[in-house]
Amino acid sequence: MITVGIIDSDEQARQETQRILNTKNKAAPNQIEVIFDIGKGRVDRTMTAPDVLILDIEHQEPLIVEHVKSLFPKTEIVILTNTCDVKTVRSCFRHGAVGYLLKQTCMDSLLSAIKITLNEGSFVSPGVNRALIEQSFKSKKYEDLLTARELQIANGIIEGLSYKMIAQKYTISLDTVRIYIKRIYRKLQINSKGELIAQLTA
């Protein structure tokens, strides 16, 4: 028996997810049991940890994934949402999600995604996969333009580190960090941190 939890702020979407799981379960009884079904952000330690948590991150920060993972470290988290921007997808994976499905294209694949996930695999919607591949292709262009040290500095900016923190991380001076930042801006033809983040994470 696979236990599943559902967190989705949209009640109709939760009911649809339940309906799909129940329909699939009728075809092969006793495979799935939904042990909780709640709106956003109300998960806590008193709840039984499911094998798989289906989580919609729409109207929530991807940090919810990390919060849930801290409560249920052994639970596999599969995102089921309408949100498809690459930055959010990557953030969910960084915080502990292992699958990412789009509601509009993958509802019928939900049971397969759960089984693949529990067999140490990962199920990602084709549209999300394509967006990740395209983003990797774009970032290769920047990797070809920047030196290894410039990439480290740029990644520090993307991670939200201050110039001082970047200097400490790579044991270089603050002035050296500033010099690298100027070089990066010149090579990428940009003028601000915001533009740097947009170009390297879009």
N, C-alpha and C. Protein backbone atom coordinates (compact mmCIF):
# COMPACT_ATOMS: atom_id res chain seq x y z
N MET A 1 0.84 -1.19 0.00
CA MET A 1 0.00 0.00 0.00
C MET A 1 0.88 1.25 0.00
N ILE A 2 0.63 2.15 -0.94
CA ILE A 2 1.35 3.42 -1.03
C ILE A 2 0.49 4.50 -0.38
N THR A 3 1.08 5.21 0.59
CA THR A 3 0.33 6.30 1.22
C THR A 3 0.70 7.62 0.56
N VAL A 4 -0.32 8.45 0.35
CA VAL A 4 -0.15 9.71 -0.37
C VAL A 4 -0.78 10.84 0.43
N GLY A 5 -0.10 11.97 0.45
CA GLY A 5 -0.66 13.21 0.99
C GLY A 5 -0.80 14.21 -0.14
N ILE A 6 -1.78 15.08 -0.04
CA ILE A 6 -2.02 16.09 -1.07
C ILE A 6 -2.08 17.46 -0.40
N ILE A 7 -1.29 18.40 -0.90
CA ILE A 7 -1.38 19.79 -0.45
C ILE A 7 -1.62 20.65 -1.69
N ASP A 8 -2.78 21.27 -1.71
CA ASP A 8 -3.15 22.12 -2.85
C ASP A 8 -4.17 23.12 -2.34
N SER A 9 -3.93 24.40 -2.55
CA SER A 9 -4.85 25.42 -2.04
C SER A 9 -6.18 25.45 -2.80
N ASP A 10 -6.23 24.83 -3.96
CA ASP A 10 -7.44 24.78 -4.77
C ASP A 10 -8.23 23.51 -4.45
N GLU A 11 -9.35 23.67 -3.78
CA GLU A 11 -10.15 22.51 -3.35
C GLU A 11 -10.60 21.64 -4.52
N GLN A 12 -11.01 22.27 -5.63
CA GLN A 12 -11.43 21.49 -6.80
C GLN A 12 -10.28 20.65 -7.35
N ALA A 13 -9.09 21.23 -7.35
CA ALA A 13 -7.92 20.50 -7.84
C ALA A 13 -7.61 19.32 -6.93
N ARG A 14 -7.75 19.51 -5.61
CA ARG A 14 -7.54 18.40 -4.67
C ARG A 14 -8.53 17.28 -4.94
N GLN A 15 -9.79 17.66 -5.16
CA GLN A 15 -10.82 16.65 -5.44
C GLN A 15 -10.53 15.90 -6.74
N GLU A 16 -10.04 16.63 -7.75
CA GLU A 16 -9.70 16.01 -9.03
C GLU A 16 -8.52 15.04 -8.87
N THR A 17 -7.52 15.44 -8.10
CA THR A 17 -6.38 14.56 -7.84
C THR A 17 -6.85 13.30 -7.12
N GLN A 18 -7.70 13.47 -6.11
CA GLN A 18 -8.27 12.32 -5.38
C GLN A 18 -9.04 11.41 -6.34
N ARG A 19 -9.87 12.02 -7.19
CA ARG A 19 -10.69 11.25 -8.13
C ARG A 19 -9.80 10.41 -9.06
N ILE A 20 -8.76 11.01 -9.58
CA ILE A 20 -7.86 10.29 -10.48
C ILE A 20 -7.18 9.14 -9.75
N LEU A 21 -6.69 9.40 -8.55
CA LEU A 21 -6.04 8.33 -7.79
C LEU A 21 -7.03 7.21 -7.45
N ASN A 22 -8.27 7.57 -7.08
CA ASN A 22 -9.28 6.56 -6.77
C ASN A 22 -9.65 5.74 -8.00
N THR A 23 -9.77 6.40 -9.15
CA THR A 23 -10.10 5.69 -10.40
C THR A 23 -9.01 4.70 -10.75
N LYS A 24 -7.77 5.13 -10.65
CA LYS A 24 -6.63 4.24 -10.94
C LYS A 24 -6.58 3.11 -9.92
N ASN A 25 -6.94 3.43 -8.68
CA ASN A 25 -6.89 2.44 -7.60
C ASN A 25 -7.96 1.36 -7.80
N LYS A 26 -9.09 1.74 -8.40
CA LYS A 26 -10.15 0.74 -8.66
C LYS A 26 -9.68 -0.30 -9.65
N ALA A 27 -8.86 0.13 -10.59
CA ALA A 27 -8.33 -0.81 -11.59
C ALA A 27 -7.37 -1.81 -10.95
N ALA A 28 -6.64 -1.38 -9.94
CA ALA A 28 -5.71 -2.26 -9.22
C ALA A 28 -5.86 -1.94 -7.73
N PRO A 29 -6.85 -2.55 -7.06
CA PRO A 29 -7.21 -2.19 -5.68
C PRO A 29 -6.04 -2.28 -4.68
N ASN A 30 -6.19 -1.47 -3.63
CA ASN A 30 -5.27 -1.44 -2.50
C ASN A 30 -3.85 -1.02 -2.85
N GLN A 31 -3.71 -0.25 -3.91
CA GLN A 31 -2.38 0.26 -4.24
C GLN A 31 -2.11 1.60 -3.55
N ILE A 32 -3.14 2.43 -3.45
CA ILE A 32 -2.96 3.81 -2.98
C ILE A 32 -3.95 4.12 -1.87
N GLU A 33 -3.46 4.82 -0.85
CA GLU A 33 -4.36 5.34 0.18
C GLU A 33 -3.98 6.80 0.43
N VAL A 34 -4.93 7.71 0.23
CA VAL A 34 -4.70 9.13 0.51
C VAL A 34 -4.93 9.33 2.00
N ILE A 35 -3.87 9.71 2.72
CA ILE A 35 -4.00 9.83 4.18
C ILE A 35 -4.27 11.26 4.64
N PHE A 36 -3.98 12.26 3.79
CA PHE A 36 -4.46 13.61 4.07
C PHE A 36 -4.56 14.41 2.78
N ASP A 37 -5.39 15.45 2.86
CA ASP A 37 -5.76 16.24 1.71
C ASP A 37 -6.07 17.64 2.26
N ILE A 38 -5.11 18.56 2.14
CA ILE A 38 -5.25 19.86 2.80
C ILE A 38 -4.91 21.01 1.86
N GLY A 39 -5.32 22.22 2.30
CA GLY A 39 -4.95 23.45 1.60
C GLY A 39 -3.51 23.81 1.90
N LYS A 40 -3.06 24.94 1.43
CA LYS A 40 -1.65 25.30 1.54
C LYS A 40 -1.19 25.53 2.97
N GLY A 41 0.07 25.14 3.22
CA GLY A 41 0.79 25.53 4.42
C GLY A 41 0.31 25.02 5.76
N ARG A 42 -0.60 24.06 5.81
CA ARG A 42 -1.10 23.61 7.11
C ARG A 42 -0.49 22.27 7.54
N VAL A 43 0.56 21.85 6.93
CA VAL A 43 1.19 20.58 7.27
C VAL A 43 2.00 20.74 8.56
N ASP A 44 1.95 19.73 9.44
CA ASP A 44 2.75 19.80 10.67
C ASP A 44 3.18 18.41 11.12
N ARG A 45 3.99 18.37 12.15
CA ARG A 45 4.61 17.11 12.62
C ARG A 45 3.61 16.10 13.16
N THR A 46 2.42 16.54 13.52
CA THR A 46 1.44 15.61 14.09
C THR A 46 0.85 14.70 13.01
N MET A 47 1.05 15.05 11.75
CA MET A 47 0.47 14.27 10.66
C MET A 47 1.35 13.04 10.38
N THR A 48 0.72 12.00 9.90
CA THR A 48 1.46 10.81 9.50
C THR A 48 2.21 11.10 8.22
N ALA A 49 3.48 10.74 8.18
CA ALA A 49 4.29 10.98 6.98
C ALA A 49 3.86 10.05 5.86
N PRO A 50 3.47 10.59 4.70
CA PRO A 50 3.10 9.74 3.57
C PRO A 50 4.34 9.25 2.83
N ASP A 51 4.17 8.22 2.02
CA ASP A 51 5.27 7.78 1.16
C ASP A 51 5.57 8.85 0.11
N VAL A 52 4.49 9.42 -0.44
CA VAL A 52 4.61 10.44 -1.48
C VAL A 52 3.70 11.61 -1.13
N LEU A 53 4.22 12.81 -1.29
CA LEU A 53 3.42 14.01 -1.09
C LEU A 53 3.26 14.70 -2.44
N ILE A 54 2.01 14.93 -2.83
CA ILE A 54 1.71 15.65 -4.06
C ILE A 54 1.45 17.09 -3.66
N LEU A 55 2.27 18.00 -4.16
CA LEU A 55 2.27 19.38 -3.68
C LEU A 55 2.12 20.37 -4.84
N ASP A 56 1.13 21.25 -4.72
CA ASP A 56 0.99 22.33 -5.69
C ASP A 56 1.66 23.56 -5.10
N ILE A 57 2.64 24.11 -5.82
CA ILE A 57 3.35 25.28 -5.30
C ILE A 57 2.78 26.59 -5.81
N GLU A 58 1.70 26.53 -6.58
CA GLU A 58 1.07 27.77 -7.05
C GLU A 58 0.58 28.55 -5.83
N HIS A 59 0.82 29.85 -5.80
CA HIS A 59 0.48 30.74 -4.68
C HIS A 59 1.29 30.44 -3.43
N GLN A 60 2.40 29.71 -3.58
CA GLN A 60 3.29 29.42 -2.45
C GLN A 60 4.73 29.59 -2.93
N GLU A 61 5.63 29.78 -2.00
CA GLU A 61 7.05 29.85 -2.33
C GLU A 61 7.60 28.43 -2.43
N PRO A 62 8.57 28.18 -3.31
CA PRO A 62 9.19 26.86 -3.38
C PRO A 62 9.80 26.38 -2.06
N LEU A 63 10.03 27.31 -1.13
CA LEU A 63 10.56 26.93 0.19
C LEU A 63 9.62 25.99 0.94
N ILE A 64 8.35 25.94 0.55
CA ILE A 64 7.42 25.00 1.16
C ILE A 64 7.93 23.57 1.00
N VAL A 65 8.63 23.31 -0.10
CA VAL A 65 9.19 21.97 -0.34
C VAL A 65 10.19 21.64 0.76
N GLU A 66 11.08 22.58 1.06
CA GLU A 66 12.07 22.37 2.11
C GLU A 66 11.40 22.18 3.47
N HIS A 67 10.37 22.98 3.74
CA HIS A 67 9.64 22.87 5.01
C HIS A 67 9.03 21.47 5.16
N VAL A 68 8.37 21.00 4.12
CA VAL A 68 7.75 19.67 4.17
C VAL A 68 8.82 18.60 4.31
N LYS A 69 9.92 18.76 3.59
CA LYS A 69 11.01 17.77 3.65
C LYS A 69 11.60 17.71 5.06
N SER A 70 11.64 18.86 5.75
CA SER A 70 12.17 18.86 7.12
C SER A 70 11.22 18.14 8.08
N LEU A 71 9.91 18.20 7.80
CA LEU A 71 8.94 17.49 8.63
C LEU A 71 8.90 16.00 8.33
N PHE A 72 9.01 15.67 7.03
CA PHE A 72 8.90 14.28 6.57
C PHE A 72 10.12 13.94 5.71
N PRO A 73 11.28 13.71 6.32
CA PRO A 73 12.51 13.52 5.54
C PRO A 73 12.48 12.33 4.57
N LYS A 74 11.71 11.31 4.87
CA LYS A 74 11.69 10.12 4.00
C LYS A 74 10.60 10.19 2.93
N THR A 75 9.76 11.21 3.00
CA THR A 75 8.67 11.36 2.02
C THR A 75 9.22 11.89 0.70
N GLU A 76 8.79 11.29 -0.39
CA GLU A 76 9.14 11.76 -1.73
C GLU A 76 8.15 12.86 -2.12
N ILE A 77 8.64 13.97 -2.61
CA ILE A 77 7.78 15.10 -2.96
C ILE A 77 7.68 15.25 -4.47
N VAL A 78 6.44 15.20 -4.96
CA VAL A 78 6.16 15.38 -6.38
C VAL A 78 5.33 16.66 -6.52
N ILE A 79 5.83 17.59 -7.31
CA ILE A 79 5.10 18.83 -7.56
C ILE A 79 4.06 18.55 -8.64
N LEU A 80 2.82 18.97 -8.40
CA LEU A 80 1.73 18.88 -9.38
C LEU A 80 1.10 20.27 -9.42
N THR A 81 1.35 21.00 -10.51
CA THR A 81 1.01 22.42 -10.53
C THR A 81 0.76 22.91 -11.95
N ASN A 82 0.37 24.16 -12.07
CA ASN A 82 0.27 24.82 -13.38
C ASN A 82 1.47 25.74 -13.62
N THR A 83 2.32 25.91 -12.61
CA THR A 83 3.46 26.81 -12.68
C THR A 83 4.63 26.12 -13.38
N CYS A 84 5.12 26.74 -14.47
CA CYS A 84 6.14 26.07 -15.28
C CYS A 84 7.39 26.91 -15.53
N ASP A 85 7.62 28.00 -14.80
CA ASP A 85 8.83 28.77 -15.09
C ASP A 85 10.05 28.04 -14.53
N VAL A 86 11.14 28.09 -15.28
CA VAL A 86 12.34 27.32 -14.99
C VAL A 86 12.91 27.64 -13.61
N LYS A 87 12.87 28.91 -13.23
CA LYS A 87 13.41 29.30 -11.92
C LYS A 87 12.68 28.57 -10.79
N THR A 88 11.36 28.50 -10.87
CA THR A 88 10.57 27.81 -9.85
C THR A 88 10.86 26.31 -9.86
N VAL A 89 10.92 25.74 -11.05
CA VAL A 89 11.21 24.30 -11.18
C VAL A 89 12.54 23.97 -10.53
N ARG A 90 13.58 24.72 -10.89
CA ARG A 90 14.92 24.45 -10.34
C ARG A 90 14.93 24.64 -8.83
N SER A 91 14.23 25.66 -8.35
CA SER A 91 14.17 25.92 -6.92
C SER A 91 13.50 24.76 -6.18
N CYS A 92 12.42 24.22 -6.75
CA CYS A 92 11.74 23.07 -6.13
C CYS A 92 12.68 21.87 -6.04
N PHE A 93 13.42 21.62 -7.11
CA PHE A 93 14.37 20.50 -7.09
C PHE A 93 15.48 20.75 -6.07
N ARG A 94 15.98 21.98 -5.98
CA ARG A 94 17.02 22.29 -5.00
C ARG A 94 16.53 22.08 -3.58
N HIS A 95 15.24 22.33 -3.34
CA HIS A 95 14.70 22.20 -1.98
C HIS A 95 14.24 20.79 -1.64
N GLY A 96 14.27 19.86 -2.61
CA GLY A 96 13.98 18.47 -2.26
C GLY A 96 12.91 17.76 -3.06
N ALA A 97 12.25 18.43 -4.00
CA ALA A 97 11.28 17.73 -4.85
C ALA A 97 12.01 16.77 -5.78
N VAL A 98 11.36 15.66 -6.14
CA VAL A 98 11.98 14.68 -7.04
C VAL A 98 11.18 14.48 -8.32
N GLY A 99 10.04 15.13 -8.42
CA GLY A 99 9.23 15.05 -9.63
C GLY A 99 8.51 16.36 -9.85
N TYR A 100 8.16 16.64 -11.12
CA TYR A 100 7.48 17.90 -11.42
C TYR A 100 6.52 17.66 -12.56
N LEU A 101 5.21 17.69 -12.25
CA LEU A 101 4.17 17.43 -13.25
C LEU A 101 3.31 18.66 -13.44
N LEU A 102 2.91 18.89 -14.67
CA LEU A 102 1.97 19.97 -14.97
C LEU A 102 0.56 19.41 -15.01
N LYS A 103 -0.35 20.08 -14.33
CA LYS A 103 -1.74 19.60 -14.26
C LYS A 103 -2.37 19.49 -15.64
N GLN A 104 -2.07 20.45 -16.51
CA GLN A 104 -2.74 20.47 -17.81
C GLN A 104 -2.31 19.32 -18.72
N THR A 105 -1.16 18.69 -18.46
CA THR A 105 -0.70 17.63 -19.37
C THR A 105 -0.45 16.28 -18.72
N CYS A 106 -0.35 16.22 -17.40
CA CYS A 106 0.12 14.97 -16.78
C CYS A 106 -0.78 14.35 -15.72
N MET A 107 -2.02 14.80 -15.60
CA MET A 107 -2.89 14.22 -14.58
C MET A 107 -3.07 12.71 -14.78
N ASP A 108 -3.19 12.29 -16.03
CA ASP A 108 -3.37 10.86 -16.29
C ASP A 108 -2.11 10.04 -15.98
N SER A 109 -0.98 10.71 -15.84
CA SER A 109 0.28 10.02 -15.56
C SER A 109 0.61 10.02 -14.07
N LEU A 110 -0.31 10.51 -13.24
CA LEU A 110 -0.02 10.69 -11.82
C LEU A 110 0.36 9.38 -11.12
N LEU A 111 -0.40 8.33 -11.33
CA LEU A 111 -0.09 7.06 -10.68
C LEU A 111 1.27 6.53 -11.15
N SER A 112 1.53 6.63 -12.44
CA SER A 112 2.85 6.22 -12.96
C SER A 112 3.96 7.03 -12.32
N ALA A 113 3.74 8.33 -12.19
CA ALA A 113 4.74 9.21 -11.58
C ALA A 113 5.04 8.79 -10.14
N ILE A 114 3.99 8.43 -9.41
CA ILE A 114 4.16 7.99 -8.01
C ILE A 114 5.00 6.71 -7.97
N LYS A 115 4.65 5.76 -8.82
CA LYS A 115 5.38 4.49 -8.84
C LYS A 115 6.84 4.67 -9.25
N ILE A 116 7.06 5.49 -10.28
CA ILE A 116 8.44 5.76 -10.73
C ILE A 116 9.24 6.41 -9.61
N THR A 117 8.62 7.35 -8.92
CA THR A 117 9.28 8.05 -7.82
C THR A 117 9.67 7.08 -6.71
N LEU A 118 8.77 6.17 -6.36
CA LEU A 118 9.05 5.23 -5.28
C LEU A 118 10.06 4.15 -5.68
N ASN A 119 10.32 4.04 -6.97
CA ASN A 119 11.37 3.13 -7.46
C ASN A 119 12.66 3.90 -7.74
N GLU A 120 12.84 5.00 -6.99
CA GLU A 120 14.03 5.84 -7.05
C GLU A 120 14.24 6.50 -8.40
N GLY A 121 13.14 6.75 -9.09
CA GLY A 121 13.19 7.47 -10.35
C GLY A 121 12.67 8.88 -10.17
N SER A 122 12.48 9.56 -11.28
CA SER A 122 11.94 10.92 -11.26
C SER A 122 11.09 11.12 -12.49
N PHE A 123 9.90 11.65 -12.29
CA PHE A 123 8.98 11.89 -13.40
C PHE A 123 8.86 13.40 -13.57
N VAL A 124 9.18 13.88 -14.77
CA VAL A 124 9.10 15.31 -15.06
C VAL A 124 8.30 15.48 -16.34
N SER A 125 7.32 16.38 -16.32
CA SER A 125 6.50 16.65 -17.50
C SER A 125 7.38 16.98 -18.70
N PRO A 126 6.99 16.51 -19.89
CA PRO A 126 7.78 16.81 -21.09
C PRO A 126 8.00 18.31 -21.31
N GLY A 127 6.98 19.12 -21.06
CA GLY A 127 7.12 20.57 -21.24
C GLY A 127 8.14 21.17 -20.28
N VAL A 128 8.17 20.66 -19.05
CA VAL A 128 9.14 21.13 -18.06
C VAL A 128 10.54 20.69 -18.48
N ASN A 129 10.66 19.44 -18.91
CA ASN A 129 11.95 18.94 -19.39
C ASN A 129 12.49 19.80 -20.52
N ARG A 130 11.62 20.14 -21.45
CA ARG A 130 12.03 20.96 -22.60
C ARG A 130 12.51 22.33 -22.13
N ALA A 131 11.79 22.94 -21.19
CA ALA A 131 12.19 24.25 -20.67
C ALA A 131 13.56 24.18 -19.98
N LEU A 132 13.80 23.09 -19.22
CA LEU A 132 15.09 22.92 -18.54
C LEU A 132 16.22 22.75 -19.55
N ILE A 133 15.96 21.98 -20.60
CA ILE A 133 16.97 21.76 -21.64
C ILE A 133 17.30 23.08 -22.35
N GLU A 134 16.27 23.84 -22.71
CA GLU A 134 16.50 25.12 -23.38
C GLU A 134 17.27 26.09 -22.49
N GLN A 135 16.95 26.08 -21.18
CA GLN A 135 17.66 26.95 -20.26
C GLN A 135 19.13 26.52 -20.14
N SER A 136 19.38 25.22 -20.13
CA SER A 136 20.77 24.73 -20.07
C SER A 136 21.53 25.15 -21.32
N PHE A 137 20.88 25.08 -22.47
CA PHE A 137 21.50 25.48 -23.73
C PHE A 137 21.86 26.97 -23.69
N LYS A 138 20.93 27.80 -23.19
CA LYS A 138 21.19 29.23 -23.10
C LYS A 138 22.35 29.51 -22.14
N SER A 139 22.36 28.81 -20.99
CA SER A 139 23.42 29.08 -20.01
C SER A 139 24.78 28.63 -20.50
N LYS A 140 24.83 27.65 -21.41
CA LYS A 140 26.12 27.23 -21.98
C LYS A 140 26.75 28.38 -22.73
N LYS A 141 25.93 29.19 -23.39
CA LYS A 141 26.43 30.36 -24.11
C LYS A 141 27.19 31.28 -23.14
N TYR A 142 26.64 31.46 -21.92
CA TYR A 142 27.30 32.32 -20.94
C TYR A 142 28.54 31.64 -20.37
N GLU A 143 28.48 30.32 -20.21
CA GLU A 143 29.65 29.59 -19.73
C GLU A 143 30.82 29.73 -20.71
N ASP A 144 30.52 29.78 -22.00
CA ASP A 144 31.56 29.95 -23.01
C ASP A 144 32.14 31.36 -22.97
N LEU A 145 31.33 32.35 -22.57
CA LEU A 145 31.80 33.74 -22.52
C LEU A 145 32.62 34.04 -21.27
N LEU A 146 32.27 33.40 -20.15
CA LEU A 146 32.88 33.73 -18.86
C LEU A 146 33.95 32.73 -18.46
N THR A 147 34.96 33.22 -17.73
CA THR A 147 35.98 32.33 -17.18
C THR A 147 35.38 31.55 -16.00
N ALA A 148 36.11 30.55 -15.52
CA ALA A 148 35.63 29.75 -14.39
C ALA A 148 35.40 30.63 -13.16
N ARG A 149 36.33 31.56 -12.89
CA ARG A 149 36.18 32.43 -11.72
C ARG A 149 35.00 33.39 -11.91
N GLU A 150 34.82 33.90 -13.11
CA GLU A 150 33.69 34.79 -13.36
C GLU A 150 32.37 34.05 -13.16
N LEU A 151 32.31 32.79 -13.57
CA LEU A 151 31.11 31.98 -13.35
C LEU A 151 30.85 31.78 -11.86
N GLN A 152 31.92 31.56 -11.08
CA GLN A 152 31.75 31.42 -9.63
C GLN A 152 31.17 32.69 -9.03
N ILE A 153 31.71 33.84 -9.44
CA ILE A 153 31.22 35.12 -8.93
C ILE A 153 29.76 35.32 -9.34
N ALA A 154 29.46 35.05 -10.62
CA ALA A 154 28.08 35.21 -11.11
C ALA A 154 27.12 34.31 -10.36
N ASN A 155 27.53 33.06 -10.12
CA ASN A 155 26.67 32.13 -9.37
C ASN A 155 26.48 32.59 -7.93
N GLY A 156 27.50 33.21 -7.36
CA GLY A 156 27.36 33.78 -6.01
C GLY A 156 26.29 34.85 -5.98
N ILE A 157 26.27 35.69 -7.01
CA ILE A 157 25.23 36.74 -7.12
C ILE A 157 23.85 36.10 -7.24
N ILE A 158 23.75 35.07 -8.08
CA ILE A 158 22.46 34.39 -8.29
C ILE A 158 21.97 33.76 -6.98
N GLU A 159 22.90 33.24 -6.18
CA GLU A 159 22.53 32.63 -4.89
C GLU A 159 22.15 33.67 -3.85
N GLY A 160 22.35 34.95 -4.17
CA GLY A 160 21.97 36.01 -3.24
C GLY A 160 23.07 36.43 -2.29
N LEU A 161 24.30 36.02 -2.57
CA LEU A 161 25.42 36.39 -1.71
C LEU A 161 25.83 37.84 -1.96
N SER A 162 26.25 38.52 -0.90
CA SER A 162 26.78 39.88 -1.04
C SER A 162 28.19 39.80 -1.61
N TYR A 163 28.73 40.93 -2.07
CA TYR A 163 30.11 40.94 -2.57
C TYR A 163 31.07 40.47 -1.49
N LYS A 164 30.83 40.90 -0.26
CA LYS A 164 31.69 40.51 0.86
C LYS A 164 31.65 38.99 1.09
N MET A 165 30.45 38.42 1.03
CA MET A 165 30.32 36.97 1.22
C MET A 165 31.00 36.21 0.08
N ILE A 166 30.90 36.71 -1.14
CA ILE A 166 31.57 36.08 -2.28
C ILE A 166 33.08 36.13 -2.06
N ALA A 167 33.58 37.28 -1.61
CA ALA A 167 35.02 37.42 -1.35
C ALA A 167 35.48 36.40 -0.31
N GLN A 168 34.69 36.25 0.76
CA GLN A 168 35.05 35.28 1.81
C GLN A 168 34.98 33.85 1.28
N LYS A 169 33.96 33.54 0.49
CA LYS A 169 33.78 32.19 -0.02
C LYS A 169 34.96 31.75 -0.89
N TYR A 170 35.46 32.66 -1.70
CA TYR A 170 36.54 32.31 -2.63
C TYR A 170 37.91 32.85 -2.20
N THR A 171 37.99 33.33 -0.96
CA THR A 171 39.21 33.92 -0.39
C THR A 171 39.92 34.86 -1.36
N ILE A 172 39.16 35.86 -1.78
CA ILE A 172 39.70 36.93 -2.61
C ILE A 172 39.27 38.25 -1.99
N SER A 173 39.87 39.33 -2.42
CA SER A 173 39.52 40.62 -1.83
C SER A 173 38.20 41.14 -2.39
N LEU A 174 37.61 42.06 -1.65
CA LEU A 174 36.37 42.70 -2.08
C LEU A 174 36.58 43.46 -3.39
N ASP A 175 37.75 44.12 -3.51
CA ASP A 175 38.06 44.85 -4.75
C ASP A 175 38.15 43.89 -5.94
N THR A 176 38.68 42.70 -5.72
CA THR A 176 38.78 41.71 -6.80
C THR A 176 37.39 41.27 -7.24
N VAL A 177 36.49 41.09 -6.28
CA VAL A 177 35.11 40.74 -6.62
C VAL A 177 34.51 41.83 -7.50
N ARG A 178 34.71 43.09 -7.12
CA ARG A 178 34.18 44.22 -7.91
C ARG A 178 34.75 44.23 -9.33
N ILE A 179 36.03 43.93 -9.46
CA ILE A 179 36.66 43.88 -10.79
C ILE A 179 36.01 42.79 -11.64
N TYR A 180 35.81 41.61 -11.03
CA TYR A 180 35.16 40.51 -11.75
C TYR A 180 33.73 40.88 -12.17
N ILE A 181 33.01 41.53 -11.27
CA ILE A 181 31.63 41.94 -11.58
C ILE A 181 31.62 42.86 -12.80
N LYS A 182 32.54 43.83 -12.82
CA LYS A 182 32.61 44.74 -13.97
C LYS A 182 32.89 43.98 -15.27
N ARG A 183 33.81 43.01 -15.20
CA ARG A 183 34.12 42.20 -16.39
C ARG A 183 32.89 41.42 -16.87
N ILE A 184 32.20 40.82 -15.91
CA ILE A 184 31.00 40.03 -16.24
C ILE A 184 29.96 40.91 -16.92
N TYR A 185 29.71 42.08 -16.33
CA TYR A 185 28.73 43.01 -16.90
C TYR A 185 29.13 43.40 -18.33
N ARG A 186 30.43 43.69 -18.52
CA ARG A 186 30.90 44.10 -19.84
C ARG A 186 30.72 42.96 -20.85
N LYS A 187 31.10 41.74 -20.49
CA LYS A 187 31.01 40.59 -21.39
C LYS A 187 29.56 40.26 -21.75
N LEU A 188 28.66 40.39 -20.77
CA LEU A 188 27.25 40.06 -21.01
C LEU A 188 26.44 41.27 -21.48
N GLN A 189 27.11 42.43 -21.54
CA GLN A 189 26.46 43.67 -21.98
C GLN A 189 25.23 44.00 -21.13
N ILE A 190 25.47 44.00 -19.83
CA ILE A 190 24.42 44.32 -18.85
C ILE A 190 24.93 45.36 -17.88
N ASN A 191 24.03 45.87 -17.01
CA ASN A 191 24.42 46.94 -16.09
C ASN A 191 24.02 46.72 -14.64
N SER A 192 23.38 45.58 -14.32
CA SER A 192 22.90 45.41 -12.95
C SER A 192 22.82 43.94 -12.54
N LYS A 193 22.74 43.73 -11.22
CA LYS A 193 22.55 42.39 -10.68
C LYS A 193 21.28 41.76 -11.21
N GLY A 194 20.23 42.56 -11.27
CA GLY A 194 18.94 42.06 -11.75
C GLY A 194 19.04 41.51 -13.16
N GLU A 195 19.76 42.24 -14.04
CA GLU A 195 19.93 41.76 -15.41
C GLU A 195 20.77 40.48 -15.44
N LEU A 196 21.79 40.42 -14.57
CA LEU A 196 22.63 39.22 -14.50
C LEU A 196 21.80 38.01 -14.10
N ILE A 197 21.00 38.16 -13.07
CA ILE A 197 20.14 37.06 -12.60
C ILE A 197 19.16 36.67 -13.67
N ALA A 198 18.56 37.65 -14.33
CA ALA A 198 17.58 37.36 -15.39
C ALA A 198 18.23 36.59 -16.54
N GLN A 199 19.43 36.99 -16.94
CA GLN A 199 20.08 36.32 -18.07
C GLN A 199 20.52 34.90 -17.73
N LEU A 200 21.05 34.70 -16.54
CA LEU A 200 21.60 33.39 -16.20
C LEU A 200 20.58 32.41 -15.66
N THR A 201 19.40 32.89 -15.29
CA THR A 201 18.39 31.95 -14.75
C THR A 201 17.13 31.90 -15.58
N ALA A 202 17.02 32.71 -16.62
CA ALA A 202 15.79 32.73 -17.43
C ALA A 202 15.58 31.42 -18.15
